[in-house]
Amino acid sequence: MPPRMLPEPTPETRHFWDGCREGELRLQRCTSCQDSYFPPRPFCPHCGSRDVEVYKASGEGVLWSYVINQRPRPDMGTEPYAIAVVKLAEGPTMMTNIVDCPQTPEALQLDMPVKVSFSKQSDDISLPLFAPVKG
């Protein structure tokens, strides 16, 4: 089975991937308008300011949208898996996978609270995945 295709960090995204490797979900926030955003970039997508900072996010959110992929992928196995959009507590949305629950519409409830976990793929890359909050 070929390995999963992994992202290649750039200078603009290095802080994000370093955080994932260290078990932290790191976002950026504009210091001018206070807007948090994702994906990483050197300027605020809301106001255009380049006065941005990196900070550790809570890693909490809700399942915003998803699709269950039924087609097997050599790098993901043969089981169906959810490709999801999670709305983070800090405001931005992030595309990800939902793990640690059945990959069915009954289990994947919209607005379900989720929490980030990290799946180590290589020495440099850990992917942020989200699982339902227990309880």
N, C-alpha and C. Protein backbone atom coordinates (compact mmCIF):
# COMPACT_ATOMS: atom_id res chain seq x y z
N MET A 1 0.85 -1.18 0.00
CA MET A 1 0.00 0.00 0.00
C MET A 1 0.90 1.25 0.00
N PRO A 2 0.72 2.16 -0.95
CA PRO A 2 1.55 3.37 -0.95
C PRO A 2 1.24 4.23 0.26
N PRO A 3 2.21 5.03 0.70
CA PRO A 3 1.97 5.89 1.87
C PRO A 3 0.99 7.02 1.52
N ARG A 4 0.38 7.54 2.56
CA ARG A 4 -0.54 8.67 2.39
C ARG A 4 0.26 9.87 1.90
N MET A 5 -0.32 10.60 0.95
CA MET A 5 0.34 11.82 0.47
C MET A 5 0.34 12.84 1.61
N LEU A 6 1.49 13.44 1.85
CA LEU A 6 1.63 14.38 2.95
C LEU A 6 1.93 15.78 2.45
N PRO A 7 1.54 16.79 3.22
CA PRO A 7 1.84 18.16 2.84
C PRO A 7 3.34 18.44 2.93
N GLU A 8 3.76 19.42 2.19
CA GLU A 8 5.14 19.89 2.27
C GLU A 8 5.11 21.29 2.87
N PRO A 9 5.58 21.44 4.12
CA PRO A 9 5.55 22.76 4.75
C PRO A 9 6.32 23.80 3.94
N THR A 10 5.80 25.01 3.97
CA THR A 10 6.44 26.16 3.34
C THR A 10 6.81 27.14 4.46
N PRO A 11 7.55 28.19 4.17
CA PRO A 11 7.83 29.17 5.23
C PRO A 11 6.56 29.74 5.86
N GLU A 12 5.49 29.87 5.07
CA GLU A 12 4.23 30.42 5.58
C GLU A 12 3.46 29.43 6.45
N THR A 13 3.69 28.13 6.25
CA THR A 13 2.93 27.12 7.00
C THR A 13 3.76 26.37 8.04
N ARG A 14 5.05 26.64 8.10
CA ARG A 14 5.94 25.89 8.99
C ARG A 14 5.45 25.92 10.44
N HIS A 15 5.01 27.08 10.94
CA HIS A 15 4.56 27.16 12.35
C HIS A 15 3.39 26.20 12.60
N PHE A 16 2.50 26.06 11.63
CA PHE A 16 1.35 25.18 11.79
C PHE A 16 1.81 23.72 11.90
N TRP A 17 2.67 23.28 10.97
CA TRP A 17 3.12 21.89 10.96
C TRP A 17 4.03 21.59 12.13
N ASP A 18 4.84 22.57 12.56
CA ASP A 18 5.66 22.37 13.77
C ASP A 18 4.74 22.18 14.98
N GLY A 19 3.67 22.96 15.07
CA GLY A 19 2.72 22.82 16.16
C GLY A 19 2.06 21.45 16.15
N CYS A 20 1.61 20.99 15.00
CA CYS A 20 0.99 19.68 14.91
C CYS A 20 1.96 18.59 15.36
N ARG A 21 3.21 18.70 14.96
CA ARG A 21 4.21 17.71 15.37
C ARG A 21 4.38 17.71 16.89
N GLU A 22 4.21 18.88 17.51
CA GLU A 22 4.36 19.03 18.97
C GLU A 22 3.04 18.84 19.72
N GLY A 23 1.97 18.47 19.00
CA GLY A 23 0.68 18.23 19.64
C GLY A 23 -0.11 19.49 19.95
N GLU A 24 0.14 20.55 19.19
CA GLU A 24 -0.60 21.81 19.35
C GLU A 24 -1.22 22.22 18.03
N LEU A 25 -2.47 22.68 18.10
CA LEU A 25 -3.11 23.26 16.93
C LEU A 25 -2.84 24.76 16.98
N ARG A 26 -2.07 25.26 16.04
CA ARG A 26 -1.68 26.67 16.02
C ARG A 26 -2.40 27.40 14.90
N LEU A 27 -3.01 28.52 15.27
CA LEU A 27 -3.69 29.39 14.32
C LEU A 27 -2.97 30.72 14.26
N GLN A 28 -3.42 31.55 13.35
CA GLN A 28 -2.94 32.92 13.27
C GLN A 28 -4.08 33.86 13.58
N ARG A 29 -3.70 35.02 14.13
CA ARG A 29 -4.68 36.05 14.47
C ARG A 29 -4.09 37.39 14.06
N CYS A 30 -4.94 38.21 13.50
CA CYS A 30 -4.55 39.57 13.13
C CYS A 30 -4.52 40.43 14.39
N THR A 31 -3.42 41.13 14.60
CA THR A 31 -3.35 42.00 15.78
C THR A 31 -4.04 43.33 15.55
N SER A 32 -4.41 43.62 14.30
CA SER A 32 -5.13 44.86 14.01
C SER A 32 -6.64 44.68 14.22
N CYS A 33 -7.23 43.64 13.62
CA CYS A 33 -8.69 43.46 13.71
C CYS A 33 -9.10 42.30 14.61
N GLN A 34 -8.13 41.54 15.12
CA GLN A 34 -8.35 40.41 16.03
C GLN A 34 -9.02 39.20 15.38
N ASP A 35 -9.08 39.15 14.06
CA ASP A 35 -9.69 38.02 13.36
C ASP A 35 -8.72 36.84 13.35
N SER A 36 -9.20 35.65 13.77
CA SER A 36 -8.41 34.42 13.66
C SER A 36 -8.72 33.79 12.32
N TYR A 37 -7.71 33.15 11.73
CA TYR A 37 -7.94 32.58 10.41
C TYR A 37 -7.12 31.31 10.17
N PHE A 38 -7.58 30.56 9.19
CA PHE A 38 -6.93 29.37 8.68
C PHE A 38 -7.38 29.22 7.23
N PRO A 39 -6.54 28.81 6.31
CA PRO A 39 -5.19 28.31 6.45
C PRO A 39 -4.17 29.42 6.68
N PRO A 40 -2.95 29.03 7.07
CA PRO A 40 -1.91 30.02 7.36
C PRO A 40 -1.56 30.86 6.13
N ARG A 41 -1.30 32.14 6.39
CA ARG A 41 -0.81 33.05 5.36
C ARG A 41 -0.20 34.27 6.05
N PRO A 42 0.61 35.02 5.37
CA PRO A 42 1.34 36.12 6.04
C PRO A 42 0.53 37.41 6.22
N PHE A 43 -0.74 37.40 5.86
CA PHE A 43 -1.56 38.60 5.99
C PHE A 43 -2.97 38.20 6.41
N CYS A 44 -3.69 39.13 6.98
CA CYS A 44 -5.06 38.88 7.43
C CYS A 44 -6.01 38.86 6.23
N PRO A 45 -6.78 37.78 6.05
CA PRO A 45 -7.72 37.75 4.93
C PRO A 45 -8.91 38.67 5.13
N HIS A 46 -9.12 39.14 6.36
CA HIS A 46 -10.25 40.03 6.65
C HIS A 46 -9.91 41.48 6.32
N CYS A 47 -8.77 41.98 6.84
CA CYS A 47 -8.45 43.40 6.65
C CYS A 47 -7.18 43.65 5.84
N GLY A 48 -6.41 42.58 5.54
CA GLY A 48 -5.21 42.73 4.73
C GLY A 48 -3.97 43.11 5.51
N SER A 49 -4.07 43.30 6.81
CA SER A 49 -2.91 43.69 7.62
C SER A 49 -1.88 42.56 7.65
N ARG A 50 -0.62 42.94 7.72
CA ARG A 50 0.46 41.96 7.87
C ARG A 50 0.88 41.83 9.33
N ASP A 51 0.16 42.50 10.23
CA ASP A 51 0.44 42.41 11.66
C ASP A 51 -0.33 41.21 12.21
N VAL A 52 0.30 40.04 12.10
CA VAL A 52 -0.35 38.80 12.53
C VAL A 52 0.52 38.09 13.55
N GLU A 53 -0.12 37.28 14.38
CA GLU A 53 0.60 36.49 15.37
C GLU A 53 0.12 35.05 15.33
N VAL A 54 0.97 34.15 15.78
CA VAL A 54 0.64 32.73 15.89
C VAL A 54 0.28 32.46 17.34
N TYR A 55 -0.76 31.65 17.57
CA TYR A 55 -1.12 31.29 18.93
C TYR A 55 -1.65 29.87 18.99
N LYS A 56 -1.60 29.29 20.18
CA LYS A 56 -2.09 27.93 20.39
C LYS A 56 -3.61 28.00 20.54
N ALA A 57 -4.31 27.27 19.65
CA ALA A 57 -5.77 27.22 19.69
C ALA A 57 -6.21 26.14 20.69
N SER A 58 -7.48 26.18 21.03
CA SER A 58 -8.03 25.22 22.00
C SER A 58 -8.09 23.80 21.44
N GLY A 59 -8.20 23.67 20.12
CA GLY A 59 -8.37 22.35 19.52
C GLY A 59 -9.79 21.84 19.58
N GLU A 60 -10.71 22.69 20.02
CA GLU A 60 -12.12 22.32 20.12
C GLU A 60 -12.91 22.93 18.98
N GLY A 61 -13.99 22.26 18.63
CA GLY A 61 -14.85 22.77 17.57
C GLY A 61 -16.11 21.94 17.46
N VAL A 62 -16.82 22.14 16.35
CA VAL A 62 -18.02 21.36 16.06
C VAL A 62 -17.94 20.87 14.62
N LEU A 63 -18.58 19.73 14.39
CA LEU A 63 -18.66 19.20 13.04
C LEU A 63 -19.59 20.09 12.24
N TRP A 64 -19.06 20.75 11.24
CA TRP A 64 -19.79 21.75 10.47
C TRP A 64 -20.44 21.13 9.23
N SER A 65 -19.69 20.23 8.57
CA SER A 65 -20.17 19.59 7.35
C SER A 65 -19.29 18.36 7.08
N TYR A 66 -19.80 17.43 6.30
CA TYR A 66 -18.98 16.26 5.96
C TYR A 66 -19.57 15.53 4.77
N VAL A 67 -18.75 14.66 4.22
CA VAL A 67 -19.18 13.70 3.22
C VAL A 67 -18.48 12.39 3.58
N ILE A 68 -19.16 11.29 3.41
CA ILE A 68 -18.56 9.99 3.67
C ILE A 68 -18.06 9.44 2.35
N ASN A 69 -16.75 9.30 2.24
CA ASN A 69 -16.16 8.78 1.01
C ASN A 69 -16.26 7.26 1.04
N GLN A 70 -16.92 6.70 0.04
CA GLN A 70 -17.11 5.25 -0.05
C GLN A 70 -16.08 4.58 -0.95
N ARG A 71 -15.35 5.38 -1.73
CA ARG A 71 -14.39 4.81 -2.67
C ARG A 71 -13.08 4.51 -1.96
N PRO A 72 -12.57 3.31 -2.09
CA PRO A 72 -11.30 2.97 -1.45
C PRO A 72 -10.16 3.80 -2.02
N ARG A 73 -9.22 4.12 -1.14
CA ARG A 73 -7.99 4.80 -1.55
C ARG A 73 -6.83 3.94 -1.09
N PRO A 74 -5.85 3.71 -1.92
CA PRO A 74 -4.73 2.86 -1.53
C PRO A 74 -4.03 3.36 -0.25
N ASP A 75 -4.00 4.66 -0.04
CA ASP A 75 -3.29 5.19 1.12
C ASP A 75 -4.19 5.35 2.35
N MET A 76 -5.48 5.06 2.24
CA MET A 76 -6.41 5.24 3.36
C MET A 76 -7.13 3.94 3.72
N GLY A 77 -6.87 2.87 3.01
CA GLY A 77 -7.57 1.61 3.30
C GLY A 77 -8.84 1.48 2.48
N THR A 78 -9.63 0.47 2.81
CA THR A 78 -10.83 0.18 2.02
C THR A 78 -12.11 0.61 2.71
N GLU A 79 -12.04 1.02 3.96
CA GLU A 79 -13.24 1.41 4.70
C GLU A 79 -13.67 2.82 4.34
N PRO A 80 -14.97 3.10 4.41
CA PRO A 80 -15.44 4.49 4.22
C PRO A 80 -14.82 5.41 5.29
N TYR A 81 -14.62 6.67 4.93
CA TYR A 81 -14.09 7.62 5.89
C TYR A 81 -14.71 8.99 5.63
N ALA A 82 -14.84 9.76 6.70
CA ALA A 82 -15.46 11.08 6.62
C ALA A 82 -14.43 12.14 6.27
N ILE A 83 -14.74 12.90 5.25
CA ILE A 83 -14.00 14.11 4.92
C ILE A 83 -14.87 15.23 5.47
N ALA A 84 -14.34 15.98 6.41
CA ALA A 84 -15.18 16.90 7.17
C ALA A 84 -14.64 18.32 7.18
N VAL A 85 -15.54 19.23 7.48
CA VAL A 85 -15.18 20.60 7.80
C VAL A 85 -15.58 20.81 9.25
N VAL A 86 -14.61 21.22 10.05
CA VAL A 86 -14.83 21.50 11.46
C VAL A 86 -14.77 23.01 11.66
N LYS A 87 -15.75 23.53 12.38
CA LYS A 87 -15.76 24.95 12.77
C LYS A 87 -15.06 25.02 14.12
N LEU A 88 -13.89 25.64 14.14
CA LEU A 88 -13.10 25.74 15.37
C LEU A 88 -13.72 26.74 16.34
N ALA A 89 -13.49 26.53 17.62
CA ALA A 89 -14.02 27.42 18.66
C ALA A 89 -13.55 28.85 18.44
N GLU A 90 -12.38 29.02 17.83
CA GLU A 90 -11.82 30.35 17.58
C GLU A 90 -12.41 31.02 16.35
N GLY A 91 -13.23 30.29 15.57
CA GLY A 91 -13.91 30.89 14.43
C GLY A 91 -13.61 30.31 13.06
N PRO A 92 -12.34 30.01 12.73
CA PRO A 92 -12.07 29.49 11.38
C PRO A 92 -12.63 28.08 11.18
N THR A 93 -12.73 27.69 9.93
CA THR A 93 -13.08 26.32 9.59
C THR A 93 -11.84 25.61 9.06
N MET A 94 -11.84 24.28 9.22
CA MET A 94 -10.69 23.49 8.80
C MET A 94 -11.18 22.18 8.19
N MET A 95 -10.64 21.83 7.04
CA MET A 95 -10.95 20.53 6.44
C MET A 95 -10.09 19.48 7.11
N THR A 96 -10.69 18.32 7.41
CA THR A 96 -10.02 17.29 8.19
C THR A 96 -10.72 15.97 8.00
N ASN A 97 -10.37 15.00 8.81
CA ASN A 97 -11.08 13.72 8.88
C ASN A 97 -11.61 13.56 10.29
N ILE A 98 -12.74 12.86 10.41
CA ILE A 98 -13.31 12.53 11.71
C ILE A 98 -12.90 11.10 12.02
N VAL A 99 -12.39 10.88 13.23
CA VAL A 99 -11.90 9.57 13.63
C VAL A 99 -12.55 9.13 14.94
N ASP A 100 -12.32 7.89 15.31
CA ASP A 100 -12.77 7.33 16.59
C ASP A 100 -14.29 7.29 16.73
N CYS A 101 -14.98 7.11 15.61
CA CYS A 101 -16.43 6.91 15.67
C CYS A 101 -16.85 6.24 14.36
N PRO A 102 -18.02 5.59 14.36
CA PRO A 102 -18.49 4.99 13.11
C PRO A 102 -18.63 6.06 12.02
N GLN A 103 -18.29 5.69 10.82
CA GLN A 103 -18.35 6.61 9.69
C GLN A 103 -19.72 6.48 9.02
N THR A 104 -20.76 6.85 9.78
CA THR A 104 -22.14 6.75 9.31
C THR A 104 -22.86 8.06 9.60
N PRO A 105 -23.92 8.36 8.85
CA PRO A 105 -24.69 9.57 9.14
C PRO A 105 -25.29 9.58 10.54
N GLU A 106 -25.59 8.41 11.08
CA GLU A 106 -26.15 8.35 12.43
C GLU A 106 -25.13 8.79 13.48
N ALA A 107 -23.88 8.46 13.27
CA ALA A 107 -22.82 8.82 14.23
C ALA A 107 -22.27 10.22 14.00
N LEU A 108 -22.27 10.66 12.76
CA LEU A 108 -21.68 11.96 12.42
C LEU A 108 -22.77 13.03 12.41
N GLN A 109 -23.09 13.52 13.56
CA GLN A 109 -24.15 14.51 13.72
C GLN A 109 -23.59 15.92 13.55
N LEU A 110 -24.24 16.73 12.73
CA LEU A 110 -23.81 18.12 12.57
C LEU A 110 -23.90 18.83 13.91
N ASP A 111 -22.98 19.75 14.14
CA ASP A 111 -22.83 20.51 15.39
C ASP A 111 -22.36 19.65 16.56
N MET A 112 -21.95 18.41 16.29
CA MET A 112 -21.40 17.53 17.32
C MET A 112 -20.07 18.11 17.79
N PRO A 113 -19.86 18.24 19.11
CA PRO A 113 -18.57 18.74 19.61
C PRO A 113 -17.45 17.75 19.26
N VAL A 114 -16.33 18.30 18.79
CA VAL A 114 -15.16 17.49 18.44
C VAL A 114 -13.90 18.13 19.04
N LYS A 115 -12.87 17.30 19.16
CA LYS A 115 -11.59 17.74 19.71
C LYS A 115 -10.48 17.20 18.82
N VAL A 116 -9.43 17.99 18.65
CA VAL A 116 -8.32 17.60 17.79
C VAL A 116 -7.49 16.49 18.44
N SER A 117 -6.96 15.64 17.60
CA SER A 117 -5.92 14.68 17.97
C SER A 117 -4.93 14.70 16.81
N PHE A 118 -3.76 14.16 17.03
CA PHE A 118 -2.74 14.25 15.99
C PHE A 118 -2.25 12.85 15.63
N SER A 119 -2.16 12.60 14.33
CA SER A 119 -1.72 11.31 13.81
C SER A 119 -0.34 11.49 13.18
N LYS A 120 0.68 10.91 13.82
CA LYS A 120 2.04 11.04 13.31
C LYS A 120 2.17 10.26 12.01
N GLN A 121 2.59 10.94 10.96
CA GLN A 121 2.75 10.33 9.66
C GLN A 121 4.23 10.15 9.29
N SER A 122 5.07 11.05 9.80
CA SER A 122 6.51 11.01 9.55
C SER A 122 7.18 11.78 10.68
N ASP A 123 8.50 11.88 10.64
CA ASP A 123 9.20 12.64 11.68
C ASP A 123 8.81 14.12 11.67
N ASP A 124 8.40 14.63 10.51
CA ASP A 124 8.07 16.05 10.37
C ASP A 124 6.57 16.35 10.38
N ILE A 125 5.75 15.41 9.96
CA ILE A 125 4.33 15.69 9.76
C ILE A 125 3.43 14.84 10.66
N SER A 126 2.61 15.53 11.43
CA SER A 126 1.50 14.91 12.15
C SER A 126 0.25 15.62 11.67
N LEU A 127 -0.76 14.84 11.31
CA LEU A 127 -1.98 15.42 10.76
C LEU A 127 -2.99 15.69 11.87
N PRO A 128 -3.64 16.87 11.83
CA PRO A 128 -4.71 17.14 12.82
C PRO A 128 -6.00 16.46 12.37
N LEU A 129 -6.48 15.56 13.21
CA LEU A 129 -7.73 14.85 12.96
C LEU A 129 -8.65 15.18 14.13
N PHE A 130 -9.95 15.01 13.94
CA PHE A 130 -10.89 15.37 15.00
C PHE A 130 -11.74 14.17 15.37
N ALA A 131 -12.00 14.05 16.68
CA ALA A 131 -12.83 12.96 17.20
C ALA A 131 -13.95 13.55 18.04
N PRO A 132 -15.08 12.85 18.12
CA PRO A 132 -16.17 13.34 18.98
C PRO A 132 -15.70 13.48 20.42
N VAL A 133 -16.21 14.50 21.09
CA VAL A 133 -15.91 14.69 22.49
C VAL A 133 -16.70 13.63 23.27
N LYS A 134 -16.00 12.91 24.11
CA LYS A 134 -16.65 11.85 24.90
C LYS A 134 -17.50 12.47 25.99
N GLY A 135 -18.67 11.85 26.24
CA GLY A 135 -19.56 12.33 27.31
C GLY A 135 -20.52 13.27 26.77
